[in-house]
Amino acid sequence: MLEKEAIAIVDDDESIRKALVRMLTAAGLEPRAFSSAKELFAAASTLRVSCIVSDLRMPETDGLQLQRQLSEQMPNAAIVFLTGHGDVSASVQAMKSGAVDFLEKPVRRKALLEAIERATRRAHSGEAETAKLNQLRKRYDALTPRERQVFGLVTVGLLNKQIAAELGAAEKTIKQHRGVVMRKMRADSLADLVLMAHHLGARPSHLSFSRARGILRPN
């Protein structure tokens, strides 16, 4: 069973871990301390983490390596780095890779809590987007192969008669398929359907984009 949402602290220095645990507990948060990235990932399946507060310089797996592994192990968790080294190049790399903040030790309580709050908001937003995309994929998976063809061709801008000609079907049949696709995907408009195709990365299964552009090109 998953525990309630926690803030993970990853630092190989026990005294720093204890100090951060005290600080976050006093602030009403739920900290969980780990001495290494390996220890954190070993607990990932039973731990719901919104934010990871990690040291940058650690033996074995350092903070930047931990950050790279997050996409597979804990994709929605946001990370805040702490360092006592003031490593500018590592800071830039961390921020480019999506770190929420990069704070120097000894960290100020207010700065850390503000960074954790931003990280938590980002994590929650990511979770919501992931859940939304998963629902969208389920709807798409429920389409028949023919409906997916119609979905793809509709979302690159082809008209019913063009789709009918491309698929060798009656225009009336394509219109019916299109209505079913709209209903199954819960789309209120063509714009909704196009946006869904973008999020899904869906491409026409029967028509290449170059051919689609050729059909749509004005005479």
N, C-alpha and C. Protein backbone atom coordinates (compact mmCIF):
# COMPACT_ATOMS: atom_id res chain seq x y z
N MET A 1 0.84 -1.19 0.00
CA MET A 1 0.00 0.00 0.00
C MET A 1 0.88 1.25 0.00
N LEU A 2 0.51 2.23 -0.83
CA LEU A 2 1.26 3.47 -0.88
C LEU A 2 1.10 4.27 0.40
N GLU A 3 2.18 4.87 0.85
CA GLU A 3 2.11 5.76 2.00
C GLU A 3 1.54 7.09 1.54
N LYS A 4 1.21 7.95 2.52
CA LYS A 4 0.74 9.27 2.12
C LYS A 4 1.91 10.05 1.54
N GLU A 5 1.57 11.10 0.82
CA GLU A 5 2.58 11.86 0.09
C GLU A 5 3.72 12.31 0.99
N ALA A 6 4.96 12.13 0.47
CA ALA A 6 6.13 12.44 1.27
C ALA A 6 7.09 13.33 0.51
N ILE A 7 7.98 13.97 1.26
CA ILE A 7 9.10 14.70 0.71
C ILE A 7 10.33 13.84 0.96
N ALA A 8 11.00 13.42 -0.10
CA ALA A 8 12.17 12.55 0.05
C ALA A 8 13.43 13.40 0.19
N ILE A 9 14.23 13.06 1.17
CA ILE A 9 15.53 13.71 1.38
C ILE A 9 16.60 12.68 1.04
N VAL A 10 17.49 13.05 0.12
CA VAL A 10 18.55 12.13 -0.28
C VAL A 10 19.89 12.82 -0.04
N ASP A 11 20.64 12.31 0.93
CA ASP A 11 21.95 12.90 1.27
C ASP A 11 22.77 11.85 1.98
N ASP A 12 24.03 11.73 1.63
CA ASP A 12 24.88 10.71 2.26
C ASP A 12 25.38 11.15 3.63
N ASP A 13 25.13 12.40 4.00
CA ASP A 13 25.55 12.93 5.31
C ASP A 13 24.40 12.78 6.31
N GLU A 14 24.58 11.90 7.27
CA GLU A 14 23.50 11.62 8.23
C GLU A 14 23.08 12.85 9.02
N SER A 15 24.03 13.68 9.41
CA SER A 15 23.69 14.87 10.20
C SER A 15 22.81 15.83 9.40
N ILE A 16 23.07 15.96 8.12
CA ILE A 16 22.25 16.83 7.26
C ILE A 16 20.87 16.23 7.08
N ARG A 17 20.80 14.91 6.90
CA ARG A 17 19.49 14.26 6.76
C ARG A 17 18.64 14.51 8.00
N LYS A 18 19.24 14.35 9.16
CA LYS A 18 18.49 14.54 10.41
C LYS A 18 18.04 15.98 10.56
N ALA A 19 18.92 16.93 10.20
CA ALA A 19 18.56 18.35 10.33
C ALA A 19 17.40 18.71 9.40
N LEU A 20 17.44 18.17 8.17
CA LEU A 20 16.37 18.45 7.22
C LEU A 20 15.06 17.80 7.64
N VAL A 21 15.14 16.60 8.18
CA VAL A 21 13.94 15.93 8.68
C VAL A 21 13.29 16.77 9.78
N ARG A 22 14.09 17.27 10.71
CA ARG A 22 13.55 18.10 11.79
C ARG A 22 12.90 19.36 11.22
N MET A 23 13.58 19.99 10.27
CA MET A 23 13.07 21.22 9.69
C MET A 23 11.73 21.00 8.98
N LEU A 24 11.65 19.97 8.18
CA LEU A 24 10.43 19.73 7.41
C LEU A 24 9.29 19.22 8.28
N THR A 25 9.63 18.41 9.28
CA THR A 25 8.60 17.93 10.21
C THR A 25 8.00 19.10 10.97
N ALA A 26 8.83 20.03 11.40
CA ALA A 26 8.35 21.22 12.12
C ALA A 26 7.45 22.08 11.24
N ALA A 27 7.66 21.99 9.93
CA ALA A 27 6.85 22.77 8.99
C ALA A 27 5.56 22.04 8.60
N GLY A 28 5.33 20.87 9.20
CA GLY A 28 4.10 20.12 8.94
C GLY A 28 4.17 19.21 7.73
N LEU A 29 5.37 18.98 7.21
CA LEU A 29 5.53 18.11 6.06
C LEU A 29 5.85 16.69 6.51
N GLU A 30 5.90 15.79 5.53
CA GLU A 30 6.14 14.36 5.82
C GLU A 30 7.45 13.95 5.17
N PRO A 31 8.60 14.21 5.82
CA PRO A 31 9.88 13.87 5.21
C PRO A 31 10.23 12.39 5.38
N ARG A 32 10.91 11.85 4.37
CA ARG A 32 11.48 10.51 4.45
C ARG A 32 12.93 10.62 4.01
N ALA A 33 13.84 10.16 4.81
CA ALA A 33 15.27 10.34 4.54
C ALA A 33 15.90 9.08 3.96
N PHE A 34 16.80 9.29 2.98
CA PHE A 34 17.52 8.19 2.33
C PHE A 34 18.98 8.59 2.20
N SER A 35 19.84 7.62 2.37
CA SER A 35 21.28 7.91 2.30
C SER A 35 21.83 7.86 0.89
N SER A 36 21.03 7.37 -0.07
CA SER A 36 21.50 7.26 -1.45
C SER A 36 20.32 7.17 -2.40
N ALA A 37 20.61 7.39 -3.68
CA ALA A 37 19.58 7.25 -4.70
C ALA A 37 19.09 5.80 -4.76
N LYS A 38 20.01 4.87 -4.60
CA LYS A 38 19.66 3.44 -4.63
C LYS A 38 18.63 3.12 -3.55
N GLU A 39 18.84 3.67 -2.37
CA GLU A 39 17.92 3.43 -1.26
C GLU A 39 16.55 4.04 -1.56
N LEU A 40 16.55 5.23 -2.16
CA LEU A 40 15.29 5.87 -2.53
C LEU A 40 14.52 5.04 -3.54
N PHE A 41 15.19 4.61 -4.60
CA PHE A 41 14.50 3.87 -5.66
C PHE A 41 14.04 2.50 -5.18
N ALA A 42 14.72 1.94 -4.19
CA ALA A 42 14.29 0.65 -3.64
C ALA A 42 12.94 0.78 -2.95
N ALA A 43 12.63 1.98 -2.47
CA ALA A 43 11.37 2.22 -1.77
C ALA A 43 10.31 2.85 -2.68
N ALA A 44 10.65 3.08 -3.95
CA ALA A 44 9.78 3.84 -4.85
C ALA A 44 8.40 3.22 -5.03
N SER A 45 8.33 1.90 -5.05
CA SER A 45 7.04 1.25 -5.31
C SER A 45 6.04 1.42 -4.18
N THR A 46 6.50 1.75 -2.99
CA THR A 46 5.60 1.91 -1.84
C THR A 46 5.57 3.33 -1.32
N LEU A 47 6.17 4.24 -2.09
CA LEU A 47 6.31 5.61 -1.61
C LEU A 47 5.73 6.58 -2.63
N ARG A 48 4.85 7.44 -2.17
CA ARG A 48 4.32 8.50 -3.04
C ARG A 48 5.10 9.77 -2.75
N VAL A 49 5.94 10.17 -3.68
CA VAL A 49 6.82 11.32 -3.47
C VAL A 49 6.45 12.44 -4.43
N SER A 50 6.23 13.64 -3.90
CA SER A 50 5.96 14.79 -4.74
C SER A 50 7.23 15.57 -5.02
N CYS A 51 8.14 15.59 -4.03
CA CYS A 51 9.35 16.37 -4.14
C CYS A 51 10.53 15.60 -3.56
N ILE A 52 11.66 15.71 -4.24
CA ILE A 52 12.91 15.11 -3.76
C ILE A 52 13.90 16.23 -3.49
N VAL A 53 14.39 16.30 -2.27
CA VAL A 53 15.44 17.25 -1.90
C VAL A 53 16.73 16.45 -1.86
N SER A 54 17.60 16.69 -2.82
CA SER A 54 18.78 15.84 -2.96
C SER A 54 20.08 16.64 -2.93
N ASP A 55 21.07 16.03 -2.28
CA ASP A 55 22.42 16.57 -2.36
C ASP A 55 22.92 16.38 -3.78
N LEU A 56 23.77 17.28 -4.23
CA LEU A 56 24.33 17.15 -5.57
C LEU A 56 25.50 16.18 -5.62
N ARG A 57 26.41 16.30 -4.64
CA ARG A 57 27.61 15.48 -4.63
C ARG A 57 27.45 14.31 -3.68
N MET A 58 27.30 13.12 -4.25
CA MET A 58 27.17 11.91 -3.45
C MET A 58 27.98 10.80 -4.09
N PRO A 59 28.49 9.85 -3.30
CA PRO A 59 29.21 8.71 -3.88
C PRO A 59 28.26 7.81 -4.65
N GLU A 60 28.80 7.00 -5.52
CA GLU A 60 28.04 6.07 -6.36
C GLU A 60 27.13 6.85 -7.32
N THR A 61 25.89 7.09 -6.95
CA THR A 61 24.96 7.83 -7.81
C THR A 61 24.84 9.26 -7.30
N ASP A 62 25.33 10.24 -8.08
CA ASP A 62 25.22 11.62 -7.62
C ASP A 62 23.86 12.20 -7.97
N GLY A 63 23.65 13.46 -7.60
CA GLY A 63 22.34 14.07 -7.80
C GLY A 63 21.90 14.15 -9.25
N LEU A 64 22.82 14.45 -10.15
CA LEU A 64 22.46 14.56 -11.56
C LEU A 64 22.10 13.19 -12.15
N GLN A 65 22.78 12.15 -11.71
CA GLN A 65 22.43 10.80 -12.15
C GLN A 65 21.07 10.40 -11.60
N LEU A 66 20.81 10.76 -10.36
CA LEU A 66 19.50 10.51 -9.76
C LEU A 66 18.42 11.18 -10.59
N GLN A 67 18.66 12.43 -10.96
CA GLN A 67 17.70 13.19 -11.75
C GLN A 67 17.39 12.50 -13.08
N ARG A 68 18.42 11.95 -13.73
CA ARG A 68 18.21 11.29 -15.01
C ARG A 68 17.38 10.01 -14.85
N GLN A 69 17.50 9.36 -13.71
CA GLN A 69 16.76 8.11 -13.49
C GLN A 69 15.32 8.33 -13.06
N LEU A 70 14.99 9.55 -12.69
CA LEU A 70 13.64 9.82 -12.20
C LEU A 70 12.56 9.53 -13.24
N SER A 71 12.84 9.79 -14.51
CA SER A 71 11.83 9.61 -15.55
C SER A 71 11.30 8.18 -15.59
N GLU A 72 12.14 7.21 -15.23
CA GLU A 72 11.72 5.82 -15.23
C GLU A 72 11.19 5.39 -13.87
N GLN A 73 11.85 5.83 -12.81
CA GLN A 73 11.50 5.35 -11.47
C GLN A 73 10.36 6.14 -10.82
N MET A 74 10.39 7.46 -10.94
CA MET A 74 9.40 8.31 -10.27
C MET A 74 9.13 9.51 -11.18
N PRO A 75 8.42 9.28 -12.28
CA PRO A 75 8.32 10.28 -13.35
C PRO A 75 7.68 11.60 -12.97
N ASN A 76 6.81 11.62 -11.97
CA ASN A 76 6.14 12.87 -11.63
C ASN A 76 6.78 13.63 -10.47
N ALA A 77 7.80 13.06 -9.85
CA ALA A 77 8.44 13.73 -8.72
C ALA A 77 9.33 14.87 -9.23
N ALA A 78 9.26 16.01 -8.54
CA ALA A 78 10.10 17.16 -8.88
C ALA A 78 11.29 17.20 -7.92
N ILE A 79 12.40 17.77 -8.37
CA ILE A 79 13.62 17.72 -7.57
C ILE A 79 14.18 19.10 -7.26
N VAL A 80 14.65 19.24 -6.01
CA VAL A 80 15.34 20.44 -5.54
C VAL A 80 16.73 20.00 -5.11
N PHE A 81 17.76 20.66 -5.62
CA PHE A 81 19.12 20.27 -5.29
C PHE A 81 19.71 21.16 -4.19
N LEU A 82 20.50 20.51 -3.33
CA LEU A 82 21.29 21.21 -2.33
C LEU A 82 22.76 20.91 -2.59
N THR A 83 23.60 21.90 -2.43
CA THR A 83 25.03 21.67 -2.62
C THR A 83 25.86 22.59 -1.74
N GLY A 84 26.98 22.09 -1.35
CA GLY A 84 27.90 22.91 -0.59
C GLY A 84 29.08 23.33 -1.44
N HIS A 85 29.03 23.04 -2.73
CA HIS A 85 30.17 23.26 -3.61
C HIS A 85 30.02 24.48 -4.52
N GLY A 86 28.81 24.98 -4.68
CA GLY A 86 28.60 26.12 -5.55
C GLY A 86 29.01 25.85 -6.98
N ASP A 87 28.73 24.65 -7.45
CA ASP A 87 29.13 24.23 -8.80
C ASP A 87 28.18 24.84 -9.84
N VAL A 88 28.65 25.89 -10.50
CA VAL A 88 27.80 26.61 -11.45
C VAL A 88 27.41 25.75 -12.64
N SER A 89 28.37 25.02 -13.23
CA SER A 89 28.07 24.21 -14.41
C SER A 89 27.06 23.12 -14.09
N ALA A 90 27.18 22.50 -12.93
CA ALA A 90 26.22 21.47 -12.52
C ALA A 90 24.86 22.09 -12.28
N SER A 91 24.84 23.30 -11.72
CA SER A 91 23.59 24.01 -11.48
C SER A 91 22.84 24.25 -12.78
N VAL A 92 23.57 24.72 -13.79
CA VAL A 92 22.96 24.98 -15.09
C VAL A 92 22.41 23.70 -15.69
N GLN A 93 23.19 22.62 -15.62
CA GLN A 93 22.76 21.34 -16.15
C GLN A 93 21.51 20.84 -15.45
N ALA A 94 21.50 20.97 -14.12
CA ALA A 94 20.35 20.51 -13.34
C ALA A 94 19.09 21.27 -13.70
N MET A 95 19.20 22.60 -13.84
CA MET A 95 18.03 23.41 -14.15
C MET A 95 17.53 23.12 -15.56
N LYS A 96 18.45 22.93 -16.50
CA LYS A 96 18.05 22.59 -17.87
C LYS A 96 17.33 21.26 -17.92
N SER A 97 17.69 20.37 -17.00
CA SER A 97 17.07 19.04 -16.96
C SER A 97 15.78 19.01 -16.16
N GLY A 98 15.37 20.18 -15.65
CA GLY A 98 14.07 20.27 -15.00
C GLY A 98 14.07 20.42 -13.50
N ALA A 99 15.23 20.63 -12.88
CA ALA A 99 15.24 20.85 -11.43
C ALA A 99 14.44 22.11 -11.09
N VAL A 100 13.73 22.09 -9.99
CA VAL A 100 12.93 23.24 -9.58
C VAL A 100 13.81 24.34 -9.02
N ASP A 101 14.83 23.96 -8.26
CA ASP A 101 15.72 24.97 -7.67
C ASP A 101 17.06 24.33 -7.33
N PHE A 102 18.02 25.19 -7.03
CA PHE A 102 19.38 24.76 -6.72
C PHE A 102 19.85 25.65 -5.57
N LEU A 103 19.89 25.10 -4.37
CA LEU A 103 20.16 25.90 -3.17
C LEU A 103 21.48 25.50 -2.54
N GLU A 104 22.22 26.48 -2.04
CA GLU A 104 23.50 26.20 -1.40
C GLU A 104 23.32 25.92 0.09
N LYS A 105 24.14 24.99 0.59
CA LYS A 105 24.17 24.69 2.02
C LYS A 105 25.05 25.72 2.73
N PRO A 106 24.74 26.09 3.95
CA PRO A 106 23.55 25.68 4.71
C PRO A 106 22.31 26.39 4.15
N VAL A 107 21.27 25.62 3.89
CA VAL A 107 20.09 26.16 3.24
C VAL A 107 19.22 26.92 4.23
N ARG A 108 18.67 28.03 3.77
CA ARG A 108 17.75 28.81 4.61
C ARG A 108 16.37 28.13 4.60
N ARG A 109 15.76 28.08 5.76
CA ARG A 109 14.47 27.39 5.91
C ARG A 109 13.43 27.93 4.94
N LYS A 110 13.30 29.25 4.87
CA LYS A 110 12.28 29.87 4.02
C LYS A 110 12.51 29.51 2.55
N ALA A 111 13.75 29.59 2.09
CA ALA A 111 14.06 29.29 0.70
C ALA A 111 13.75 27.83 0.37
N LEU A 112 14.08 26.93 1.29
CA LEU A 112 13.83 25.51 1.04
C LEU A 112 12.33 25.21 1.00
N LEU A 113 11.59 25.76 1.94
CA LEU A 113 10.14 25.50 1.97
C LEU A 113 9.45 26.06 0.74
N GLU A 114 9.90 27.21 0.29
CA GLU A 114 9.32 27.79 -0.92
C GLU A 114 9.63 26.92 -2.15
N ALA A 115 10.86 26.41 -2.20
CA ALA A 115 11.25 25.54 -3.32
C ALA A 115 10.44 24.24 -3.29
N ILE A 116 10.25 23.69 -2.11
CA ILE A 116 9.46 22.46 -1.98
C ILE A 116 8.02 22.70 -2.40
N GLU A 117 7.48 23.85 -2.04
CA GLU A 117 6.10 24.17 -2.44
C GLU A 117 5.98 24.24 -3.97
N ARG A 118 6.95 24.88 -4.63
CA ARG A 118 6.92 24.95 -6.09
C ARG A 118 7.05 23.55 -6.70
N ALA A 119 7.94 22.76 -6.13
CA ALA A 119 8.14 21.40 -6.63
C ALA A 119 6.88 20.56 -6.47
N THR A 120 6.22 20.71 -5.35
CA THR A 120 4.99 19.94 -5.10
C THR A 120 3.90 20.33 -6.08
N ARG A 121 3.78 21.63 -6.34
CA ARG A 121 2.78 22.07 -7.32
C ARG A 121 3.09 21.48 -8.70
N ARG A 122 4.36 21.48 -9.07
CA ARG A 122 4.74 20.91 -10.37
C ARG A 122 4.42 19.42 -10.42
N ALA A 123 4.72 18.72 -9.33
CA ALA A 123 4.46 17.27 -9.29
C ALA A 123 2.98 16.98 -9.43
N HIS A 124 2.15 17.74 -8.73
CA HIS A 124 0.70 17.53 -8.80
C HIS A 124 0.18 17.80 -10.21
N SER A 125 0.72 18.86 -10.82
CA SER A 125 0.32 19.17 -12.20
C SER A 125 0.72 18.05 -13.14
N GLY A 126 1.92 17.50 -12.94
CA GLY A 126 2.38 16.39 -13.77
C GLY A 126 1.52 15.15 -13.60
N GLU A 127 1.12 14.87 -12.36
CA GLU A 127 0.26 13.72 -12.08
C GLU A 127 -1.08 13.88 -12.79
N ALA A 128 -1.64 15.10 -12.73
CA ALA A 128 -2.93 15.35 -13.38
C ALA A 128 -2.82 15.17 -14.89
N GLU A 129 -1.73 15.67 -15.48
CA GLU A 129 -1.54 15.54 -16.92
C GLU A 129 -1.35 14.07 -17.31
N THR A 130 -0.63 13.32 -16.49
CA THR A 130 -0.41 11.90 -16.77
C THR A 130 -1.72 11.14 -16.73
N ALA A 131 -2.54 11.43 -15.71
CA ALA A 131 -3.84 10.76 -15.58
C ALA A 131 -4.74 11.09 -16.78
N LYS A 132 -4.70 12.36 -17.20
CA LYS A 132 -5.50 12.79 -18.34
C LYS A 132 -5.06 12.08 -19.62
N LEU A 133 -3.74 11.97 -19.82
CA LEU A 133 -3.23 11.30 -21.01
C LEU A 133 -3.54 9.82 -20.99
N ASN A 134 -3.48 9.19 -19.83
CA ASN A 134 -3.82 7.77 -19.72
C ASN A 134 -5.28 7.51 -20.10
N GLN A 135 -6.17 8.42 -19.67
CA GLN A 135 -7.57 8.28 -20.04
C GLN A 135 -7.76 8.45 -21.54
N LEU A 136 -7.02 9.38 -22.11
CA LEU A 136 -7.10 9.63 -23.55
C LEU A 136 -6.62 8.39 -24.33
N ARG A 137 -5.56 7.77 -23.84
CA ARG A 137 -5.05 6.57 -24.51
C ARG A 137 -6.05 5.42 -24.44
N LYS A 138 -6.74 5.31 -23.31
CA LYS A 138 -7.75 4.26 -23.17
C LYS A 138 -8.87 4.46 -24.19
N ARG A 139 -9.28 5.70 -24.38
CA ARG A 139 -10.34 5.98 -25.37
C ARG A 139 -9.85 5.65 -26.78
N TYR A 140 -8.61 6.03 -27.06
CA TYR A 140 -8.07 5.76 -28.39
C TYR A 140 -7.94 4.26 -28.63
N ASP A 141 -7.52 3.53 -27.60
CA ASP A 141 -7.37 2.07 -27.72
C ASP A 141 -8.72 1.40 -27.96
N ALA A 142 -9.81 2.07 -27.55
CA ALA A 142 -11.14 1.50 -27.72
C ALA A 142 -11.67 1.68 -29.15
N LEU A 143 -10.99 2.48 -29.96
CA LEU A 143 -11.39 2.65 -31.35
C LEU A 143 -11.05 1.41 -32.15
N THR A 144 -11.87 1.10 -33.15
CA THR A 144 -11.56 0.01 -34.06
C THR A 144 -10.45 0.46 -35.02
N PRO A 145 -9.79 -0.48 -35.70
CA PRO A 145 -8.75 -0.08 -36.66
C PRO A 145 -9.26 0.93 -37.69
N ARG A 146 -10.48 0.74 -38.20
CA ARG A 146 -11.04 1.68 -39.19
C ARG A 146 -11.29 3.04 -38.55
N GLU A 147 -11.78 3.03 -37.32
CA GLU A 147 -12.03 4.30 -36.63
C GLU A 147 -10.73 5.07 -36.39
N ARG A 148 -9.64 4.33 -36.13
CA ARG A 148 -8.34 4.99 -35.95
C ARG A 148 -7.86 5.61 -37.26
N GLN A 149 -8.14 4.93 -38.37
CA GLN A 149 -7.79 5.51 -39.66
C GLN A 149 -8.54 6.81 -39.89
N VAL A 150 -9.83 6.79 -39.60
CA VAL A 150 -10.65 7.99 -39.76
C VAL A 150 -10.17 9.09 -38.81
N PHE A 151 -9.89 8.71 -37.58
CA PHE A 151 -9.36 9.66 -36.59
C PHE A 151 -8.13 10.37 -37.14
N GLY A 152 -7.17 9.59 -37.65
CA GLY A 152 -5.93 10.16 -38.15
C GLY A 152 -6.16 11.08 -39.34
N LEU A 153 -7.01 10.67 -40.27
CA LEU A 153 -7.23 11.46 -41.48
C LEU A 153 -8.04 12.72 -41.20
N VAL A 154 -8.99 12.61 -40.29
CA VAL A 154 -9.77 13.79 -39.89
C VAL A 154 -8.86 14.84 -39.26
N THR A 155 -7.94 14.38 -38.41
CA THR A 155 -7.12 15.32 -37.65
C THR A 155 -5.99 15.95 -38.46
N VAL A 156 -5.76 15.51 -39.71
CA VAL A 156 -4.84 16.24 -40.57
C VAL A 156 -5.60 17.15 -41.52
N GLY A 157 -6.93 17.21 -41.35
CA GLY A 157 -7.72 18.20 -42.07
C GLY A 157 -8.48 17.72 -43.28
N LEU A 158 -8.53 16.41 -43.53
CA LEU A 158 -9.25 15.92 -44.70
C LEU A 158 -10.76 15.97 -44.47
N LEU A 159 -11.48 16.26 -45.54
CA LEU A 159 -12.93 16.26 -45.50
C LEU A 159 -13.45 14.83 -45.62
N ASN A 160 -14.74 14.66 -45.28
CA ASN A 160 -15.32 13.32 -45.34
C ASN A 160 -15.18 12.69 -46.72
N LYS A 161 -15.41 13.48 -47.77
CA LYS A 161 -15.34 12.92 -49.14
C LYS A 161 -13.90 12.54 -49.50
N GLN A 162 -12.93 13.30 -48.98
CA GLN A 162 -11.53 12.96 -49.24
C GLN A 162 -11.12 11.68 -48.52
N ILE A 163 -11.61 11.54 -47.27
CA ILE A 163 -11.33 10.33 -46.50
C ILE A 163 -11.99 9.13 -47.17
N ALA A 164 -13.22 9.33 -47.65
CA ALA A 164 -13.93 8.24 -48.32
C ALA A 164 -13.16 7.77 -49.55
N ALA A 165 -12.65 8.73 -50.33
CA ALA A 165 -11.88 8.38 -51.52
C ALA A 165 -10.59 7.65 -51.14
N GLU A 166 -9.94 8.10 -50.09
CA GLU A 166 -8.68 7.50 -49.65
C GLU A 166 -8.87 6.08 -49.14
N LEU A 167 -9.98 5.85 -48.43
CA LEU A 167 -10.21 4.54 -47.82
C LEU A 167 -11.08 3.63 -48.68
N GLY A 168 -11.59 4.16 -49.78
CA GLY A 168 -12.43 3.34 -50.65
C GLY A 168 -13.76 3.01 -50.00
N ALA A 169 -14.34 3.98 -49.32
CA ALA A 169 -15.62 3.78 -48.62
C ALA A 169 -16.60 4.86 -49.04
N ALA A 170 -17.86 4.64 -48.73
CA ALA A 170 -18.88 5.64 -49.03
C ALA A 170 -18.74 6.82 -48.07
N GLU A 171 -19.03 8.01 -48.58
CA GLU A 171 -18.93 9.21 -47.73
C GLU A 171 -19.87 9.10 -46.53
N LYS A 172 -21.04 8.51 -46.75
CA LYS A 172 -22.00 8.34 -45.65
C LYS A 172 -21.40 7.46 -44.54
N THR A 173 -20.68 6.43 -44.95
CA THR A 173 -20.04 5.53 -43.97
C THR A 173 -18.97 6.27 -43.18
N ILE A 174 -18.19 7.09 -43.87
CA ILE A 174 -17.15 7.86 -43.19
C ILE A 174 -17.77 8.84 -42.20
N LYS A 175 -18.87 9.44 -42.58
CA LYS A 175 -19.56 10.37 -41.69
C LYS A 175 -19.99 9.66 -40.41
N GLN A 176 -20.48 8.42 -40.58
CA GLN A 176 -20.89 7.64 -39.40
C GLN A 176 -19.68 7.30 -38.53
N HIS A 177 -18.59 6.89 -39.16
CA HIS A 177 -17.37 6.59 -38.40
C HIS A 177 -16.89 7.83 -37.64
N ARG A 178 -16.96 8.95 -38.32
CA ARG A 178 -16.49 10.20 -37.70
C ARG A 178 -17.31 10.53 -36.46
N GLY A 179 -18.62 10.33 -36.54
CA GLY A 179 -19.48 10.57 -35.39
C GLY A 179 -19.15 9.65 -34.23
N VAL A 180 -18.87 8.38 -34.54
CA VAL A 180 -18.51 7.41 -33.51
C VAL A 180 -17.18 7.80 -32.86
N VAL A 181 -16.22 8.22 -33.68
CA VAL A 181 -14.92 8.64 -33.16
C VAL A 181 -15.09 9.82 -32.21
N MET A 182 -15.87 10.80 -32.61
CA MET A 182 -16.11 11.97 -31.75
C MET A 182 -16.72 11.55 -30.42
N ARG A 183 -17.67 10.60 -30.49
CA ARG A 183 -18.34 10.16 -29.26
C ARG A 183 -17.40 9.37 -28.37
N LYS A 184 -16.68 8.41 -28.95
CA LYS A 184 -15.77 7.58 -28.15
C LYS A 184 -14.63 8.39 -27.54
N MET A 185 -14.14 9.38 -28.29
CA MET A 185 -13.04 10.21 -27.79
C MET A 185 -13.53 11.33 -26.89
N ARG A 186 -14.85 11.51 -26.83
CA ARG A 186 -15.48 12.56 -26.01
C ARG A 186 -14.99 13.94 -26.45
N ALA A 187 -14.97 14.11 -27.76
CA ALA A 187 -14.56 15.39 -28.34
C ALA A 187 -15.79 16.21 -28.68
N ASP A 188 -15.79 17.47 -28.33
CA ASP A 188 -16.91 18.36 -28.61
C ASP A 188 -16.78 19.04 -29.97
N SER A 189 -15.59 19.02 -30.52
CA SER A 189 -15.36 19.72 -31.78
C SER A 189 -14.16 19.10 -32.49
N LEU A 190 -13.97 19.49 -33.74
CA LEU A 190 -12.80 19.03 -34.49
C LEU A 190 -11.52 19.53 -33.82
N ALA A 191 -11.56 20.75 -33.30
CA ALA A 191 -10.38 21.30 -32.61
C ALA A 191 -9.98 20.42 -31.43
N ASP A 192 -10.98 19.93 -30.70
CA ASP A 192 -10.71 19.01 -29.58
C ASP A 192 -10.01 17.75 -30.08
N LEU A 193 -10.51 17.23 -31.18
CA LEU A 193 -9.96 15.99 -31.73
C LEU A 193 -8.51 16.19 -32.20
N VAL A 194 -8.25 17.33 -32.83
CA VAL A 194 -6.89 17.63 -33.29
C VAL A 194 -5.94 17.73 -32.10
N LEU A 195 -6.39 18.38 -31.02
CA LEU A 195 -5.57 18.50 -29.83
C LEU A 195 -5.29 17.13 -29.21
N MET A 196 -6.29 16.27 -29.21
CA MET A 196 -6.11 14.91 -28.70
C MET A 196 -5.06 14.16 -29.52
N ALA A 197 -5.13 14.30 -30.84
CA ALA A 197 -4.17 13.64 -31.71
C ALA A 197 -2.76 14.12 -31.41
N HIS A 198 -2.64 15.42 -31.14
CA HIS A 198 -1.33 15.99 -30.80
C HIS A 198 -0.79 15.37 -29.51
N HIS A 199 -1.63 15.30 -28.48
CA HIS A 199 -1.20 14.74 -27.20
C HIS A 199 -0.85 13.26 -27.32
N LEU A 200 -1.60 12.55 -28.15
CA LEU A 200 -1.37 11.11 -28.32
C LEU A 200 -0.20 10.81 -29.24
N GLY A 201 0.20 11.80 -30.02
CA GLY A 201 1.22 11.55 -31.04
C GLY A 201 0.67 10.65 -32.13
N ALA A 202 -0.66 10.69 -32.32
CA ALA A 202 -1.31 9.82 -33.31
C ALA A 202 -1.06 10.36 -34.71
N ARG A 203 -0.78 9.47 -35.63
CA ARG A 203 -0.55 9.81 -37.02
C ARG A 203 -1.47 8.97 -37.90
N PRO A 204 -1.85 9.48 -39.05
CA PRO A 204 -2.71 8.68 -39.93
C PRO A 204 -2.08 7.33 -40.23
N SER A 205 -2.85 6.27 -40.07
CA SER A 205 -2.33 4.93 -40.31
C SER A 205 -2.44 4.53 -41.77
N HIS A 206 -3.19 5.32 -42.55
CA HIS A 206 -3.41 4.93 -43.94
C HIS A 206 -2.80 5.92 -44.92
N LEU A 207 -2.54 7.14 -44.45
CA LEU A 207 -2.11 8.20 -45.35
C LEU A 207 -0.90 8.90 -44.77
N SER A 208 0.15 9.06 -45.54
CA SER A 208 1.33 9.77 -45.05
C SER A 208 1.05 11.26 -45.02
N PHE A 209 1.79 12.00 -44.20
CA PHE A 209 1.59 13.44 -44.12
C PHE A 209 1.88 14.11 -45.46
N SER A 210 2.86 13.61 -46.20
CA SER A 210 3.18 14.23 -47.48
C SER A 210 2.01 14.07 -48.45
N ARG A 211 1.39 12.90 -48.44
CA ARG A 211 0.23 12.69 -49.31
C ARG A 211 -0.95 13.51 -48.84
N ALA A 212 -1.09 13.63 -47.51
CA ALA A 212 -2.19 14.44 -46.97
C ALA A 212 -2.04 15.89 -47.42
N ARG A 213 -0.81 16.40 -47.34
CA ARG A 213 -0.57 17.77 -47.77
C ARG A 213 -0.86 17.92 -49.26
N GLY A 214 -0.56 16.88 -50.04
CA GLY A 214 -0.83 16.92 -51.47
C GLY A 214 -2.31 17.00 -51.75
N ILE A 215 -3.09 16.22 -50.99
CA ILE A 215 -4.55 16.24 -51.18
C ILE A 215 -5.12 17.58 -50.78
N LEU A 216 -4.55 18.17 -49.73
CA LEU A 216 -5.10 19.42 -49.21
C LEU A 216 -4.59 20.64 -49.96
N ARG A 217 -3.52 20.48 -50.75
CA ARG A 217 -2.95 21.64 -51.43
C ARG A 217 -3.95 22.22 -52.42
N PRO A 218 -4.21 23.52 -52.39
CA PRO A 218 -5.18 24.11 -53.32
C PRO A 218 -4.68 24.02 -54.76
N ASN A 219 -5.63 23.91 -55.68
CA ASN A 219 -5.27 23.83 -57.10
C ASN A 219 -4.74 25.17 -57.61
